[in-house]
Amino acid sequence: MPLIYRAANVVEAQLIVDELQAGGMQAHVTGSYLSGAIGELPPSEVIGVWLLQAQHEDRARHIIDAFEASRKRVEKEWRCTGCDEWLGREFGACWQCGQTRLVSRPDGD
């Protein structure tokens, strides 16, 4: 069970867990109970996301990299291709049906 991500806060950690779950992996947040110690300890040393299946580590890192890259892009809401639900730009998968967001490449393909 590898530590896959060190989060700045519990919300960020849960977003990572949600992205990994949308990708078919199981993960959980540790250190959320220590959030009161933040200030005394750096958040990245307190809150972590652990991947439950080590064999998925490479794929999990790819999902995390894509999630972090998407947070840097300025994007609008998007419509799920699976159920037509409108979702905020921060979501990489549909909350209703689980469909992964289709990201168009910069060259239009």
C-alpha atoms as a PDB file:
ATOM      1  CA  MET A   1       0.000   0.000   0.000  1.00  0.00           C
ATOM      2  CA  PRO A   2       2.097   2.940  -1.268  1.00  0.00           C
ATOM      3  CA  LEU A   3       1.735   6.577  -0.298  1.00  0.00           C
ATOM      4  CA  ILE A   4       0.715   8.056  -3.638  1.00  0.00           C
ATOM      5  CA  TYR A   5       0.104  11.726  -2.793  1.00  0.00           C
ATOM      6  CA  ARG A   6       0.805  14.287  -0.080  1.00  0.00           C
ATOM      7  CA  ALA A   7      -2.012  16.817   0.066  1.00  0.00           C
ATOM      8  CA  ALA A   8      -2.128  20.453   1.151  1.00  0.00           C
ATOM      9  CA  ASN A   9      -5.497  19.862   2.843  1.00  0.00           C
ATOM     10  CA  VAL A  10      -8.203  17.257   3.379  1.00  0.00           C
ATOM     11  CA  VAL A  11     -10.331  18.552   0.492  1.00  0.00           C
ATOM     12  CA  GLU A  12      -7.460  18.180  -1.980  1.00  0.00           C
ATOM     13  CA  ALA A  13      -6.770  14.677  -0.666  1.00  0.00           C
ATOM     14  CA  GLN A  14     -10.411  13.670  -1.113  1.00  0.00           C
ATOM     15  CA  LEU A  15     -10.442  15.025  -4.672  1.00  0.00           C
ATOM     16  CA  ILE A  16      -7.448  12.792  -5.442  1.00  0.00           C
ATOM     17  CA  VAL A  17      -9.198   9.785  -3.872  1.00  0.00           C
ATOM     18  CA  ASP A  18     -12.303  10.534  -5.960  1.00  0.00           C
ATOM     19  CA  GLU A  19     -10.231  10.729  -9.156  1.00  0.00           C
ATOM     20  CA  LEU A  20      -8.529   7.425  -8.378  1.00  0.00           C
ATOM     21  CA  GLN A  21     -11.868   5.782  -7.603  1.00  0.00           C
ATOM     22  CA  ALA A  22     -13.257   7.052 -10.915  1.00  0.00           C
ATOM     23  CA  GLY A  23     -10.255   5.323 -12.497  1.00  0.00           C
ATOM     24  CA  GLY A  24     -11.202   2.036 -10.835  1.00  0.00           C
ATOM     25  CA  MET A  25      -8.698   2.143  -7.983  1.00  0.00           C
ATOM     26  CA  GLN A  26      -9.145   2.149  -4.236  1.00  0.00           C
ATOM     27  CA  ALA A  27      -7.387   4.725  -2.072  1.00  0.00           C
ATOM     28  CA  HIS A  28      -7.908   6.403   1.262  1.00  0.00           C
ATOM     29  CA  VAL A  29      -6.894   9.566   3.117  1.00  0.00           C
ATOM     30  CA  THR A  30      -4.752   9.425   6.230  1.00  0.00           C
ATOM     31  CA  GLY A  31      -3.919  12.200   8.632  1.00  0.00           C
ATOM     32  CA  SER A  32      -7.222  14.050   8.413  1.00  0.00           C
ATOM     33  CA  TYR A  33      -7.598  13.623  12.162  1.00  0.00           C
ATOM     34  CA  LEU A  34      -4.293  15.497  12.552  1.00  0.00           C
ATOM     35  CA  SER A  35      -5.527  18.581  10.693  1.00  0.00           C
ATOM     36  CA  GLY A  36      -5.544  20.445  14.021  1.00  0.00           C
ATOM     37  CA  ALA A  37      -1.756  20.085  14.057  1.00  0.00           C
ATOM     38  CA  ILE A  38      -1.401  21.986  10.792  1.00  0.00           C
ATOM     39  CA  GLY A  39       0.550  25.092  11.588  1.00  0.00           C
ATOM     40  CA  GLU A  40       2.825  23.122  13.847  1.00  0.00           C
ATOM     41  CA  LEU A  41       3.439  20.617  11.062  1.00  0.00           C
ATOM     42  CA  PRO A  42       3.418  21.252   7.297  1.00  0.00           C
ATOM     43  CA  PRO A  43       0.168  19.913   5.743  1.00  0.00           C
ATOM     44  CA  SER A  44       2.103  17.798   3.253  1.00  0.00           C
ATOM     45  CA  GLU A  45       3.618  15.921   6.186  1.00  0.00           C
ATOM     46  CA  VAL A  46       0.222  15.302   7.779  1.00  0.00           C
ATOM     47  CA  ILE A  47      -2.314  14.471   5.059  1.00  0.00           C
ATOM     48  CA  GLY A  48      -1.638  11.660   2.608  1.00  0.00           C
ATOM     49  CA  VAL A  49      -3.430   9.515   0.058  1.00  0.00           C
ATOM     50  CA  TRP A  50      -2.590   5.834   0.095  1.00  0.00           C
ATOM     51  CA  LEU A  51      -3.258   3.532  -2.835  1.00  0.00           C
ATOM     52  CA  LEU A  52      -4.636   0.171  -1.714  1.00  0.00           C
ATOM     53  CA  GLN A  53      -3.353  -1.821  -4.739  1.00  0.00           C
ATOM     54  CA  ALA A  54       0.378  -1.280  -5.343  1.00  0.00           C
ATOM     55  CA  GLN A  55       0.136  -2.802  -8.832  1.00  0.00           C
ATOM     56  CA  HIS A  56      -1.821   0.283  -9.978  1.00  0.00           C
ATOM     57  CA  GLU A  57       0.802   2.806  -8.862  1.00  0.00           C
ATOM     58  CA  ASP A  58       1.931   3.879 -12.363  1.00  0.00           C
ATOM     59  CA  ARG A  59      -1.646   4.368 -13.569  1.00  0.00           C
ATOM     60  CA  ALA A  60      -2.528   6.221 -10.352  1.00  0.00           C
ATOM     61  CA  ARG A  61       0.398   8.611 -10.824  1.00  0.00           C
ATOM     62  CA  HIS A  62      -0.780   9.270 -14.382  1.00  0.00           C
ATOM     63  CA  ILE A  63      -4.294  10.096 -13.120  1.00  0.00           C
ATOM     64  CA  ILE A  64      -2.876  12.383 -10.433  1.00  0.00           C
ATOM     65  CA  ASP A  65      -0.627  14.153 -12.958  1.00  0.00           C
ATOM     66  CA  ALA A  66      -3.616  14.703 -15.263  1.00  0.00           C
ATOM     67  CA  PHE A  67      -5.705  15.994 -12.335  1.00  0.00           C
ATOM     68  CA  GLU A  68      -3.011  18.466 -11.297  1.00  0.00           C
ATOM     69  CA  ALA A  69      -2.577  19.645 -14.898  1.00  0.00           C
ATOM     70  CA  SER A  70      -6.333  20.154 -15.247  1.00  0.00           C
ATOM     71  CA  ARG A  71      -6.377  22.369 -12.153  1.00  0.00           C
ATOM     72  CA  LYS A  72      -3.900  24.716 -13.843  1.00  0.00           C
ATOM     73  CA  ARG A  73      -5.995  25.094 -17.010  1.00  0.00           C
ATOM     74  CA  VAL A  74      -8.761  27.642 -17.186  1.00  0.00           C
ATOM     75  CA  GLU A  75     -11.785  25.688 -18.290  1.00  0.00           C
ATOM     76  CA  LYS A  76     -15.525  26.008 -18.268  1.00  0.00           C
ATOM     77  CA  GLU A  77     -18.145  23.616 -17.001  1.00  0.00           C
ATOM     78  CA  TRP A  78     -18.481  20.463 -19.060  1.00  0.00           C
ATOM     79  CA  ARG A  79     -21.301  18.145 -20.039  1.00  0.00           C
ATOM     80  CA  CYS A  80     -20.987  14.433 -19.375  1.00  0.00           C
ATOM     81  CA  THR A  81     -21.081  12.303 -22.518  1.00  0.00           C
ATOM     82  CA  GLY A  82     -22.655   9.476 -20.516  1.00  0.00           C
ATOM     83  CA  CYS A  83     -25.697  11.155 -18.944  1.00  0.00           C
ATOM     84  CA  ASP A  84     -25.693  14.833 -20.108  1.00  0.00           C
ATOM     85  CA  GLU A  85     -25.156  16.132 -16.547  1.00  0.00           C
ATOM     86  CA  TRP A  86     -23.433  19.528 -16.289  1.00  0.00           C
ATOM     87  CA  LEU A  87     -20.340  19.452 -14.065  1.00  0.00           C
ATOM     88  CA  GLY A  88     -17.899  22.010 -12.721  1.00  0.00           C
ATOM     89  CA  ARG A  89     -14.480  22.330 -14.290  1.00  0.00           C
ATOM     90  CA  GLU A  90     -12.817  20.822 -11.227  1.00  0.00           C
ATOM     91  CA  PHE A  91     -14.377  17.394 -11.795  1.00  0.00           C
ATOM     92  CA  GLY A  92     -12.535  14.799 -13.844  1.00  0.00           C
ATOM     93  CA  ALA A  93     -15.413  12.348 -13.752  1.00  0.00           C
ATOM     94  CA  CYS A  94     -19.179  12.632 -13.602  1.00  0.00           C
ATOM     95  CA  TRP A  95     -20.573  12.432 -10.093  1.00  0.00           C
ATOM     96  CA  GLN A  96     -23.787  10.903 -11.397  1.00  0.00           C
ATOM     97  CA  CYS A  97     -22.681   8.127 -13.763  1.00  0.00           C
ATOM     98  CA  GLY A  98     -18.887   7.948 -13.280  1.00  0.00           C
ATOM     99  CA  GLN A  99     -18.029   8.726 -16.916  1.00  0.00           C
ATOM    100  CA  THR A 100     -14.479  10.091 -17.189  1.00  0.00           C
ATOM    101  CA  ARG A 101     -14.177  13.557 -18.682  1.00  0.00           C
ATOM    102  CA  LEU A 102     -13.046  13.551 -22.277  1.00  0.00           C
ATOM    103  CA  VAL A 103     -10.332  16.151 -22.670  1.00  0.00           C
ATOM    104  CA  SER A 104      -9.711  17.584 -26.098  1.00  0.00           C
ATOM    105  CA  ARG A 105      -6.124  18.071 -27.106  1.00  0.00           C
ATOM    106  CA  PRO A 106      -4.810  21.577 -27.883  1.00  0.00           C
ATOM    107  CA  ASP A 107      -4.571  20.749 -31.607  1.00  0.00           C
ATOM    108  CA  GLY A 108      -8.332  20.120 -31.682  1.00  0.00           C
ATOM    109  CA  ASP A 109      -8.240  16.302 -31.920  1.00  0.00           C
END
